[in-house]
Structure formats: C-alpha cells, structure tokens
Amino acid sequence: MRFATAVLVIDMQRGFFEGETLARQQAGLVDATNELLRLARERGSRVFNVVTEHAADGSTWTLSMRDDDQGFNVTGTSQAEVVPGLGIVGAHTVRKIRDSAFHGTDLAQRLRILGISRLVVCGIEAENCVALTGRDAFAHDFRVAFAVEAIGSGKPERGRRALEDNRDEVRQPILTHAELADWWG
C-alpha cells in the first residue's frame, strides 16, 4: 500500500527546547528531522506532527503540573509553537495532553483509515513521549522504527536506555537515516 509507513514527529515545539541540554540539540534535531521528512515525502509517506498543547485553565494539566500550579505548552502561547525551521507544512496534526501520541487522541483510527501499519518515530524526548508513543504503537499493532538521528533528550543516557528497552522488549529498531531508507523499502 502506498502509505504503509508514516512518520510521527513528536513535540518539536519551542517549550520543549527551553532547557539548556535540548536547546543545544535544537538546530541539529531540526536539520535531521527535515532530512527525515524529505525521505518520507520521496517515499509518499504521510507525516503526522504530534504536538502537546494544554488548556490555560488547568483542565488538561498533568498531575505534576497541577502539583506545581504551573501550566506548560498552553494553546496559543509561544511554547506551543513548532520550532523555527521545521519543514512540517502539510503534515496531519495530532494534539495530545499526555506523553503518548495515542493516549486520548484519534491517532490509531486515523492511521488505520489511511492503511498505515508501520511508523517512523522521531522528536523529543526519547525517554518520555518518543518511547511511550512507541510502546503504545506496539499495543495498537503498529510496527515502529526510531529515527535516532532525529530524536533528542534532556537526559541523553536515560533516553538511550528507554529506546533500547523498546528495541529489546518489543522489537522496535533504532535506525539511522541510511538504515531507515532500507527499512522503508
């Protein structure tokens, strides 16, 4: 099927790059993600821009946000904006309020309607939204590969371990762009 593989770009938003470690990674991640998007478009694959957006009134906040009485990536703020330079125009948008792109969204249904069975996942942060989206994709019977060059983390060692756990436990390979080109077929 033409759209058998889709790319999920996770949380490439200004708010997630406010910390020093991810801020240093931003330019490289944008470049690597844009290269991945180029590969996807060459193969006719769909792209989904998965973003975290919360309501200002606290109704969508996580437990830790409520504990701290501090919102994050509030809809309409600069934190919720896609990072500059990301070539995401034309992508399907999925808005989420928790780590997994599947939790409380219609992503699985949209992927099935489009006949998609395999996902390339990239974005931030490896140990949270990226890895948890991979795990939930497995639970929804989607095959996943992680685009390692386009994945960042504020805690790189923890992020690496999370992706390796997914690789080892649910057979989700961690691939370079060159390796993805072969995996894509």
N, C-alpha and C. Protein backbone atom coordinates (compact mmCIF):
# COMPACT_ATOMS: atom_id res chain seq x y z
N MET A 1 0.84 -1.18 0.00
CA MET A 1 0.00 0.00 0.00
C MET A 1 0.88 1.24 0.00
N ARG A 2 0.48 2.26 -0.68
CA ARG A 2 1.26 3.48 -0.86
C ARG A 2 1.64 4.14 0.45
N PHE A 3 0.74 4.22 1.40
CA PHE A 3 1.01 4.92 2.65
C PHE A 3 1.22 3.95 3.81
N ALA A 4 1.84 2.82 3.55
CA ALA A 4 2.01 1.81 4.58
C ALA A 4 2.86 2.31 5.75
N THR A 5 3.74 3.26 5.52
CA THR A 5 4.59 3.81 6.57
C THR A 5 4.30 5.30 6.73
N ALA A 6 4.20 5.73 7.98
CA ALA A 6 4.02 7.16 8.28
C ALA A 6 5.11 7.59 9.25
N VAL A 7 5.39 8.88 9.26
CA VAL A 7 6.34 9.46 10.20
C VAL A 7 5.57 10.22 11.27
N LEU A 8 5.91 9.98 12.53
CA LEU A 8 5.37 10.75 13.64
C LEU A 8 6.47 11.65 14.16
N VAL A 9 6.26 12.95 14.06
CA VAL A 9 7.19 13.94 14.59
C VAL A 9 6.62 14.38 15.94
N ILE A 10 7.32 14.07 17.01
CA ILE A 10 6.79 14.25 18.36
C ILE A 10 7.36 15.51 19.03
N ASP A 11 6.47 16.43 19.40
CA ASP A 11 6.77 17.55 20.30
C ASP A 11 7.93 18.45 19.90
N MET A 12 8.09 18.69 18.63
CA MET A 12 9.13 19.63 18.18
C MET A 12 8.58 21.05 18.32
N GLN A 13 8.42 21.47 19.57
CA GLN A 13 7.82 22.74 19.92
C GLN A 13 8.77 23.55 20.80
N ARG A 14 8.62 24.86 20.72
CA ARG A 14 9.51 25.78 21.44
C ARG A 14 9.63 25.46 22.93
N GLY A 15 8.51 25.17 23.57
CA GLY A 15 8.52 24.94 25.01
C GLY A 15 9.45 23.82 25.45
N PHE A 16 9.58 22.80 24.63
CA PHE A 16 10.42 21.66 24.99
C PHE A 16 11.91 21.96 24.86
N PHE A 17 12.26 23.03 24.19
CA PHE A 17 13.66 23.38 23.99
C PHE A 17 14.12 24.49 24.92
N GLU A 18 13.35 24.79 25.95
CA GLU A 18 13.73 25.85 26.88
C GLU A 18 14.89 25.45 27.79
N GLY A 19 15.03 24.18 28.08
CA GLY A 19 16.15 23.70 28.90
C GLY A 19 17.45 23.72 28.12
N GLU A 20 18.55 23.88 28.84
CA GLU A 20 19.86 24.05 28.21
C GLU A 20 20.28 22.86 27.35
N THR A 21 20.08 21.64 27.83
CA THR A 21 20.53 20.46 27.09
C THR A 21 19.81 20.34 25.75
N LEU A 22 18.51 20.46 25.75
CA LEU A 22 17.77 20.36 24.48
C LEU A 22 17.98 21.59 23.61
N ALA A 23 18.17 22.75 24.21
CA ALA A 23 18.43 23.96 23.41
C ALA A 23 19.69 23.76 22.56
N ARG A 24 20.70 23.10 23.13
CA ARG A 24 21.93 22.83 22.36
C ARG A 24 21.68 21.85 21.22
N GLN A 25 20.69 21.00 21.36
CA GLN A 25 20.39 19.99 20.34
C GLN A 25 19.45 20.49 19.24
N GLN A 26 18.79 21.62 19.47
CA GLN A 26 17.69 22.05 18.61
C GLN A 26 18.06 22.14 17.14
N ALA A 27 19.11 22.86 16.79
CA ALA A 27 19.46 23.05 15.37
C ALA A 27 19.73 21.72 14.69
N GLY A 28 20.48 20.85 15.34
CA GLY A 28 20.78 19.54 14.75
C GLY A 28 19.54 18.68 14.60
N LEU A 29 18.65 18.74 15.59
CA LEU A 29 17.41 17.97 15.50
C LEU A 29 16.50 18.48 14.39
N VAL A 30 16.44 19.80 14.23
CA VAL A 30 15.62 20.36 13.15
C VAL A 30 16.17 19.89 11.80
N ASP A 31 17.49 19.98 11.63
CA ASP A 31 18.10 19.54 10.37
C ASP A 31 17.85 18.05 10.11
N ALA A 32 18.05 17.23 11.13
CA ALA A 32 17.86 15.78 10.98
C ALA A 32 16.40 15.44 10.70
N THR A 33 15.49 16.15 11.37
CA THR A 33 14.06 15.91 11.14
C THR A 33 13.67 16.33 9.73
N ASN A 34 14.18 17.45 9.28
CA ASN A 34 13.88 17.88 7.91
C ASN A 34 14.39 16.88 6.88
N GLU A 35 15.56 16.30 7.13
CA GLU A 35 16.08 15.26 6.23
C GLU A 35 15.17 14.04 6.25
N LEU A 36 14.71 13.66 7.42
CA LEU A 36 13.78 12.53 7.54
C LEU A 36 12.48 12.82 6.80
N LEU A 37 11.98 14.04 6.92
CA LEU A 37 10.75 14.42 6.22
C LEU A 37 10.95 14.39 4.71
N ARG A 38 12.14 14.76 4.26
CA ARG A 38 12.45 14.67 2.82
C ARG A 38 12.38 13.21 2.37
N LEU A 39 12.99 12.32 3.15
CA LEU A 39 12.93 10.89 2.82
C LEU A 39 11.49 10.38 2.80
N ALA A 40 10.70 10.82 3.76
CA ALA A 40 9.29 10.40 3.82
C ALA A 40 8.53 10.85 2.58
N ARG A 41 8.73 12.08 2.21
CA ARG A 41 8.00 12.61 1.04
C ARG A 41 8.43 11.92 -0.24
N GLU A 42 9.71 11.60 -0.35
CA GLU A 42 10.19 10.86 -1.53
C GLU A 42 9.50 9.50 -1.64
N ARG A 43 9.14 8.93 -0.51
CA ARG A 43 8.51 7.61 -0.50
C ARG A 43 6.99 7.67 -0.45
N GLY A 44 6.44 8.87 -0.50
CA GLY A 44 4.99 9.03 -0.48
C GLY A 44 4.36 8.75 0.87
N SER A 45 5.15 8.82 1.93
CA SER A 45 4.64 8.53 3.27
C SER A 45 3.94 9.74 3.88
N ARG A 46 2.96 9.46 4.70
CA ARG A 46 2.27 10.51 5.44
C ARG A 46 3.14 10.97 6.60
N VAL A 47 2.95 12.22 6.99
CA VAL A 47 3.65 12.79 8.13
C VAL A 47 2.62 13.33 9.11
N PHE A 48 2.82 13.01 10.38
CA PHE A 48 1.95 13.50 11.45
C PHE A 48 2.79 14.34 12.41
N ASN A 49 2.37 15.57 12.59
CA ASN A 49 3.00 16.47 13.55
C ASN A 49 2.24 16.35 14.86
N VAL A 50 2.85 15.67 15.82
CA VAL A 50 2.21 15.43 17.11
C VAL A 50 2.68 16.49 18.09
N VAL A 51 1.74 17.26 18.61
CA VAL A 51 2.09 18.37 19.50
C VAL A 51 1.37 18.24 20.83
N THR A 52 2.04 18.72 21.87
CA THR A 52 1.43 18.79 23.20
C THR A 52 0.91 20.19 23.40
N GLU A 53 -0.38 20.30 23.69
CA GLU A 53 -0.99 21.60 23.97
C GLU A 53 -1.94 21.44 25.15
N HIS A 54 -1.79 22.34 26.11
CA HIS A 54 -2.64 22.31 27.30
C HIS A 54 -3.54 23.54 27.38
N ALA A 55 -4.66 23.39 28.05
CA ALA A 55 -5.59 24.49 28.29
C ALA A 55 -5.06 25.36 29.43
N ALA A 56 -5.24 26.66 29.30
CA ALA A 56 -4.78 27.60 30.33
C ALA A 56 -5.48 27.39 31.66
N ASP A 57 -6.70 26.87 31.63
CA ASP A 57 -7.49 26.74 32.87
C ASP A 57 -7.09 25.54 33.73
N GLY A 58 -6.11 24.76 33.28
CA GLY A 58 -5.63 23.63 34.06
C GLY A 58 -6.39 22.34 33.85
N SER A 59 -7.43 22.36 33.05
CA SER A 59 -8.28 21.17 32.87
C SER A 59 -7.58 20.02 32.16
N THR A 60 -6.47 20.29 31.49
CA THR A 60 -5.74 19.23 30.78
C THR A 60 -4.37 18.97 31.40
N TRP A 61 -4.06 19.64 32.47
CA TRP A 61 -2.72 19.54 33.06
C TRP A 61 -2.46 18.16 33.65
N THR A 62 -1.20 17.76 33.62
CA THR A 62 -0.77 16.51 34.25
C THR A 62 -0.75 16.69 35.77
N LEU A 63 -0.61 15.60 36.48
CA LEU A 63 -0.54 15.67 37.94
C LEU A 63 0.60 16.57 38.41
N SER A 64 1.77 16.44 37.80
CA SER A 64 2.90 17.27 38.24
C SER A 64 2.67 18.74 37.93
N MET A 65 2.01 19.04 36.83
CA MET A 65 1.69 20.44 36.51
C MET A 65 0.73 21.00 37.55
N ARG A 66 -0.25 20.18 37.94
CA ARG A 66 -1.20 20.63 38.96
C ARG A 66 -0.52 20.78 40.32
N ASP A 67 0.35 19.84 40.66
CA ASP A 67 1.09 19.94 41.92
C ASP A 67 1.90 21.23 42.00
N ASP A 68 2.49 21.61 40.86
CA ASP A 68 3.34 22.81 40.79
C ASP A 68 2.55 24.07 40.47
N ASP A 69 1.25 23.91 40.17
CA ASP A 69 0.40 25.03 39.74
C ASP A 69 1.06 25.81 38.59
N GLN A 70 1.59 25.04 37.64
CA GLN A 70 2.34 25.63 36.54
C GLN A 70 1.96 24.95 35.23
N GLY A 71 1.33 25.69 34.33
CA GLY A 71 1.00 25.15 33.02
C GLY A 71 2.22 25.08 32.12
N PHE A 72 2.07 24.41 30.99
CA PHE A 72 3.17 24.24 30.04
C PHE A 72 2.57 24.04 28.66
N ASN A 73 3.20 24.62 27.65
CA ASN A 73 2.74 24.49 26.27
C ASN A 73 1.25 24.78 26.16
N VAL A 74 0.85 25.89 26.72
CA VAL A 74 -0.55 26.30 26.69
C VAL A 74 -0.91 26.72 25.26
N THR A 75 -2.04 26.25 24.79
CA THR A 75 -2.51 26.57 23.44
C THR A 75 -2.46 28.08 23.22
N GLY A 76 -1.89 28.48 22.09
CA GLY A 76 -1.83 29.89 21.72
C GLY A 76 -0.61 30.63 22.23
N THR A 77 0.22 29.98 23.04
CA THR A 77 1.44 30.63 23.54
C THR A 77 2.63 30.27 22.65
N SER A 78 3.72 30.99 22.82
CA SER A 78 4.92 30.70 22.03
C SER A 78 5.48 29.32 22.36
N GLN A 79 5.29 28.84 23.59
CA GLN A 79 5.76 27.50 23.94
C GLN A 79 5.14 26.43 23.04
N ALA A 80 3.90 26.61 22.67
CA ALA A 80 3.19 25.61 21.88
C ALA A 80 3.52 25.66 20.39
N GLU A 81 4.26 26.67 19.96
CA GLU A 81 4.60 26.82 18.54
C GLU A 81 5.65 25.79 18.12
N VAL A 82 5.57 25.37 16.87
CA VAL A 82 6.58 24.49 16.30
C VAL A 82 7.90 25.26 16.23
N VAL A 83 9.01 24.57 16.46
CA VAL A 83 10.31 25.23 16.43
C VAL A 83 10.58 25.81 15.05
N PRO A 84 11.27 26.94 15.00
CA PRO A 84 11.59 27.57 13.71
C PRO A 84 12.41 26.64 12.82
N GLY A 85 12.11 26.69 11.53
CA GLY A 85 12.87 25.94 10.55
C GLY A 85 12.39 24.54 10.28
N LEU A 86 11.45 24.05 11.06
CA LEU A 86 10.96 22.68 10.85
C LEU A 86 10.03 22.65 9.65
N GLY A 87 10.33 21.82 8.66
CA GLY A 87 9.57 21.75 7.42
C GLY A 87 8.36 20.84 7.53
N ILE A 88 7.46 21.19 8.40
CA ILE A 88 6.32 20.34 8.73
C ILE A 88 5.04 20.71 7.98
N VAL A 89 5.13 21.67 7.08
CA VAL A 89 3.96 22.14 6.34
C VAL A 89 3.31 20.97 5.59
N GLY A 90 2.00 20.88 5.68
CA GLY A 90 1.26 19.83 5.00
C GLY A 90 1.07 18.56 5.82
N ALA A 91 1.65 18.52 7.00
CA ALA A 91 1.51 17.33 7.85
C ALA A 91 0.14 17.32 8.52
N HIS A 92 -0.31 16.13 8.86
CA HIS A 92 -1.51 15.98 9.69
C HIS A 92 -1.11 16.39 11.11
N THR A 93 -1.97 17.08 11.82
CA THR A 93 -1.67 17.48 13.20
C THR A 93 -2.47 16.63 14.18
N VAL A 94 -1.77 16.17 15.21
CA VAL A 94 -2.39 15.44 16.32
C VAL A 94 -2.05 16.21 17.59
N ARG A 95 -3.06 16.63 18.32
CA ARG A 95 -2.85 17.34 19.59
C ARG A 95 -3.05 16.36 20.74
N LYS A 96 -2.09 16.37 21.65
CA LYS A 96 -2.15 15.46 22.79
C LYS A 96 -1.94 16.24 24.09
N ILE A 97 -2.34 15.60 25.19
CA ILE A 97 -2.15 16.23 26.50
C ILE A 97 -1.38 15.32 27.46
N ARG A 98 -0.93 14.19 26.98
CA ARG A 98 -0.11 13.27 27.77
C ARG A 98 1.06 12.80 26.91
N ASP A 99 1.93 11.99 27.50
CA ASP A 99 3.17 11.62 26.81
C ASP A 99 2.94 10.86 25.50
N SER A 100 2.09 9.87 25.50
CA SER A 100 1.87 9.06 24.30
C SER A 100 1.00 9.79 23.29
N ALA A 101 1.39 9.69 22.03
CA ALA A 101 0.59 10.28 20.95
C ALA A 101 -0.74 9.55 20.76
N PHE A 102 -0.88 8.38 21.36
CA PHE A 102 -2.12 7.60 21.24
C PHE A 102 -3.10 7.87 22.37
N HIS A 103 -2.62 8.30 23.51
CA HIS A 103 -3.47 8.48 24.69
C HIS A 103 -4.45 9.63 24.49
N GLY A 104 -5.74 9.30 24.46
CA GLY A 104 -6.77 10.32 24.34
C GLY A 104 -6.85 11.02 23.00
N THR A 105 -6.25 10.42 21.96
CA THR A 105 -6.32 11.01 20.62
C THR A 105 -6.94 10.01 19.65
N ASP A 106 -7.18 10.47 18.43
CA ASP A 106 -7.72 9.59 17.40
C ASP A 106 -6.63 9.09 16.45
N LEU A 107 -5.37 9.14 16.90
CA LEU A 107 -4.25 8.77 16.02
C LEU A 107 -4.38 7.36 15.46
N ALA A 108 -4.65 6.37 16.29
CA ALA A 108 -4.74 4.99 15.80
C ALA A 108 -5.81 4.85 14.73
N GLN A 109 -6.95 5.47 14.94
CA GLN A 109 -8.03 5.41 13.96
C GLN A 109 -7.60 6.06 12.65
N ARG A 110 -6.97 7.21 12.73
CA ARG A 110 -6.54 7.91 11.52
C ARG A 110 -5.52 7.09 10.75
N LEU A 111 -4.58 6.47 11.46
CA LEU A 111 -3.58 5.63 10.80
C LEU A 111 -4.24 4.44 10.11
N ARG A 112 -5.18 3.81 10.77
CA ARG A 112 -5.86 2.64 10.17
C ARG A 112 -6.67 3.03 8.94
N ILE A 113 -7.36 4.15 9.02
CA ILE A 113 -8.14 4.62 7.86
C ILE A 113 -7.23 4.82 6.65
N LEU A 114 -6.01 5.28 6.90
CA LEU A 114 -5.06 5.52 5.82
C LEU A 114 -4.29 4.26 5.41
N GLY A 115 -4.56 3.15 6.06
CA GLY A 115 -3.89 1.90 5.72
C GLY A 115 -2.45 1.82 6.19
N ILE A 116 -2.11 2.58 7.19
CA ILE A 116 -0.73 2.62 7.69
C ILE A 116 -0.54 1.52 8.73
N SER A 117 0.57 0.79 8.59
CA SER A 117 0.87 -0.28 9.54
C SER A 117 2.24 -0.12 10.19
N ARG A 118 3.06 0.79 9.65
CA ARG A 118 4.41 0.98 10.19
C ARG A 118 4.65 2.47 10.43
N LEU A 119 5.39 2.75 11.51
CA LEU A 119 5.66 4.13 11.90
C LEU A 119 7.14 4.36 12.09
N VAL A 120 7.60 5.50 11.61
CA VAL A 120 8.93 6.01 11.94
C VAL A 120 8.69 7.12 12.95
N VAL A 121 9.29 6.99 14.13
CA VAL A 121 9.05 7.94 15.20
C VAL A 121 10.32 8.74 15.48
N CYS A 122 10.13 10.06 15.59
CA CYS A 122 11.24 10.96 15.92
C CYS A 122 10.72 12.07 16.81
N GLY A 123 11.62 12.90 17.31
CA GLY A 123 11.22 14.06 18.11
C GLY A 123 11.83 14.02 19.49
N ILE A 124 11.11 14.59 20.46
CA ILE A 124 11.62 14.66 21.83
C ILE A 124 10.51 14.35 22.82
N GLU A 125 10.82 13.98 23.97
CA GLU A 125 12.08 13.49 24.46
C GLU A 125 12.09 11.98 24.38
N ALA A 126 13.27 11.43 24.12
CA ALA A 126 13.41 9.99 23.89
C ALA A 126 12.79 9.16 25.00
N GLU A 127 13.09 9.52 26.26
CA GLU A 127 12.67 8.68 27.39
C GLU A 127 11.22 8.88 27.79
N ASN A 128 10.58 9.88 27.25
CA ASN A 128 9.19 10.14 27.60
C ASN A 128 8.28 9.94 26.40
N CYS A 129 7.96 11.00 25.71
CA CYS A 129 6.95 10.95 24.65
C CYS A 129 7.32 10.04 23.49
N VAL A 130 8.60 10.01 23.12
CA VAL A 130 9.01 9.18 21.99
C VAL A 130 8.89 7.69 22.34
N ALA A 131 9.51 7.28 23.44
CA ALA A 131 9.47 5.87 23.84
C ALA A 131 8.05 5.41 24.18
N LEU A 132 7.29 6.25 24.88
CA LEU A 132 5.93 5.86 25.26
C LEU A 132 5.00 5.78 24.05
N THR A 133 5.21 6.64 23.07
CA THR A 133 4.45 6.53 21.82
C THR A 133 4.78 5.21 21.13
N GLY A 134 6.07 4.84 21.13
CA GLY A 134 6.46 3.55 20.56
C GLY A 134 5.79 2.38 21.25
N ARG A 135 5.76 2.41 22.58
CA ARG A 135 5.13 1.32 23.33
C ARG A 135 3.63 1.24 23.04
N ASP A 136 2.98 2.39 23.01
CA ASP A 136 1.54 2.38 22.71
C ASP A 136 1.27 1.97 21.27
N ALA A 137 2.16 2.32 20.36
CA ALA A 137 2.01 1.88 18.97
C ALA A 137 2.04 0.35 18.91
N PHE A 138 2.94 -0.25 19.66
CA PHE A 138 3.01 -1.71 19.75
C PHE A 138 1.69 -2.28 20.26
N ALA A 139 1.12 -1.65 21.29
CA ALA A 139 -0.15 -2.11 21.85
C ALA A 139 -1.29 -2.00 20.84
N HIS A 140 -1.14 -1.09 19.88
CA HIS A 140 -2.15 -0.90 18.83
C HIS A 140 -1.79 -1.66 17.55
N ASP A 141 -0.78 -2.52 17.62
CA ASP A 141 -0.36 -3.36 16.49
C ASP A 141 0.24 -2.60 15.33
N PHE A 142 0.98 -1.53 15.62
CA PHE A 142 1.77 -0.84 14.60
C PHE A 142 3.24 -1.19 14.82
N ARG A 143 3.94 -1.46 13.72
CA ARG A 143 5.39 -1.67 13.80
C ARG A 143 6.06 -0.30 13.84
N VAL A 144 7.14 -0.20 14.60
CA VAL A 144 7.81 1.08 14.82
C VAL A 144 9.30 0.95 14.59
N ALA A 145 9.88 1.99 14.00
CA ALA A 145 11.33 2.18 13.98
C ALA A 145 11.60 3.59 14.50
N PHE A 146 12.64 3.72 15.31
CA PHE A 146 13.01 5.03 15.84
C PHE A 146 14.11 5.64 14.97
N ALA A 147 13.89 6.88 14.54
CA ALA A 147 14.86 7.61 13.72
C ALA A 147 15.86 8.30 14.65
N VAL A 148 16.90 7.58 15.05
CA VAL A 148 17.79 8.00 16.12
C VAL A 148 18.43 9.37 15.88
N GLU A 149 18.73 9.71 14.64
CA GLU A 149 19.38 10.99 14.36
C GLU A 149 18.43 12.17 14.59
N ALA A 150 17.14 11.91 14.63
CA ALA A 150 16.14 12.97 14.80
C ALA A 150 15.39 12.83 16.12
N ILE A 151 16.07 12.27 17.12
CA ILE A 151 15.49 12.12 18.46
C ILE A 151 16.41 12.79 19.47
N GLY A 152 15.83 13.61 20.32
CA GLY A 152 16.61 14.30 21.34
C GLY A 152 16.13 13.98 22.74
N SER A 153 16.96 14.39 23.70
CA SER A 153 16.62 14.17 25.10
C SER A 153 17.37 15.15 25.99
N GLY A 154 16.70 15.60 27.03
CA GLY A 154 17.36 16.41 28.04
C GLY A 154 18.22 15.56 28.95
N LYS A 155 18.01 14.25 28.91
CA LYS A 155 18.78 13.28 29.69
C LYS A 155 19.22 12.18 28.73
N PRO A 156 20.24 12.44 27.91
CA PRO A 156 20.59 11.53 26.81
C PRO A 156 20.81 10.07 27.21
N GLU A 157 21.46 9.82 28.34
CA GLU A 157 21.69 8.43 28.73
C GLU A 157 20.37 7.72 29.05
N ARG A 158 19.50 8.40 29.75
CA ARG A 158 18.19 7.83 30.06
C ARG A 158 17.39 7.62 28.77
N GLY A 159 17.46 8.57 27.85
CA GLY A 159 16.77 8.44 26.57
C GLY A 159 17.25 7.26 25.77
N ARG A 160 18.58 7.08 25.74
CA ARG A 160 19.16 5.95 25.02
C ARG A 160 18.65 4.63 25.61
N ARG A 161 18.65 4.54 26.93
CA ARG A 161 18.18 3.31 27.59
C ARG A 161 16.71 3.04 27.29
N ALA A 162 15.89 4.07 27.28
CA ALA A 162 14.45 3.88 27.01
C ALA A 162 14.24 3.32 25.61
N LEU A 163 14.95 3.88 24.63
CA LEU A 163 14.81 3.37 23.26
C LEU A 163 15.34 1.95 23.15
N GLU A 164 16.44 1.67 23.84
CA GLU A 164 16.98 0.31 23.82
C GLU A 164 16.02 -0.68 24.47
N ASP A 165 15.33 -0.26 25.52
CA ASP A 165 14.30 -1.13 26.12
C ASP A 165 13.22 -1.45 25.10
N ASN A 166 12.76 -0.45 24.36
CA ASN A 166 11.75 -0.70 23.32
C ASN A 166 12.29 -1.64 22.25
N ARG A 167 13.53 -1.41 21.86
CA ARG A 167 14.15 -2.28 20.85
C ARG A 167 14.19 -3.73 21.36
N ASP A 168 14.65 -3.90 22.59
CA ASP A 168 14.85 -5.25 23.13
C ASP A 168 13.55 -5.95 23.51
N GLU A 169 12.58 -5.20 24.01
CA GLU A 169 11.35 -5.80 24.53
C GLU A 169 10.25 -5.94 23.49
N VAL A 170 10.13 -4.97 22.58
CA VAL A 170 9.01 -5.01 21.62
C VAL A 170 9.47 -4.88 20.16
N ARG A 171 10.78 -5.15 19.95
CA ARG A 171 11.34 -5.24 18.59
C ARG A 171 11.17 -3.97 17.77
N GLN A 172 11.48 -2.84 18.37
CA GLN A 172 11.41 -1.56 17.68
C GLN A 172 12.84 -1.09 17.41
N PRO A 173 13.32 -1.26 16.18
CA PRO A 173 14.71 -0.93 15.88
C PRO A 173 15.01 0.57 16.01
N ILE A 174 16.25 0.85 16.34
CA ILE A 174 16.76 2.21 16.44
C ILE A 174 17.68 2.39 15.24
N LEU A 175 17.26 3.22 14.28
CA LEU A 175 17.93 3.25 12.98
C LEU A 175 18.41 4.65 12.61
N THR A 176 19.53 4.68 11.89
CA THR A 176 19.99 5.93 11.27
C THR A 176 19.14 6.21 10.04
N HIS A 177 19.29 7.38 9.48
CA HIS A 177 18.54 7.70 8.25
C HIS A 177 18.88 6.71 7.14
N ALA A 178 20.16 6.36 7.00
CA ALA A 178 20.55 5.41 5.95
C ALA A 178 19.90 4.05 6.18
N GLU A 179 19.87 3.61 7.42
CA GLU A 179 19.22 2.32 7.72
C GLU A 179 17.71 2.40 7.52
N LEU A 180 17.13 3.55 7.83
CA LEU A 180 15.69 3.72 7.62
C LEU A 180 15.33 3.62 6.15
N ALA A 181 16.19 4.12 5.28
CA ALA A 181 15.92 4.04 3.85
C ALA A 181 15.72 2.59 3.43
N ASP A 182 16.53 1.69 3.99
CA ASP A 182 16.37 0.26 3.70
C ASP A 182 15.12 -0.31 4.37
N TRP A 183 14.86 0.06 5.63
CA TRP A 183 13.70 -0.42 6.37
C TRP A 183 12.41 -0.01 5.68
N TRP A 184 12.41 1.21 5.14
CA TRP A 184 11.24 1.76 4.46
C TRP A 184 10.89 0.92 3.24
N GLY A 185 11.93 0.44 2.58
CA GLY A 185 11.70 -0.35 1.37
C GLY A 185 11.56 0.49 0.13
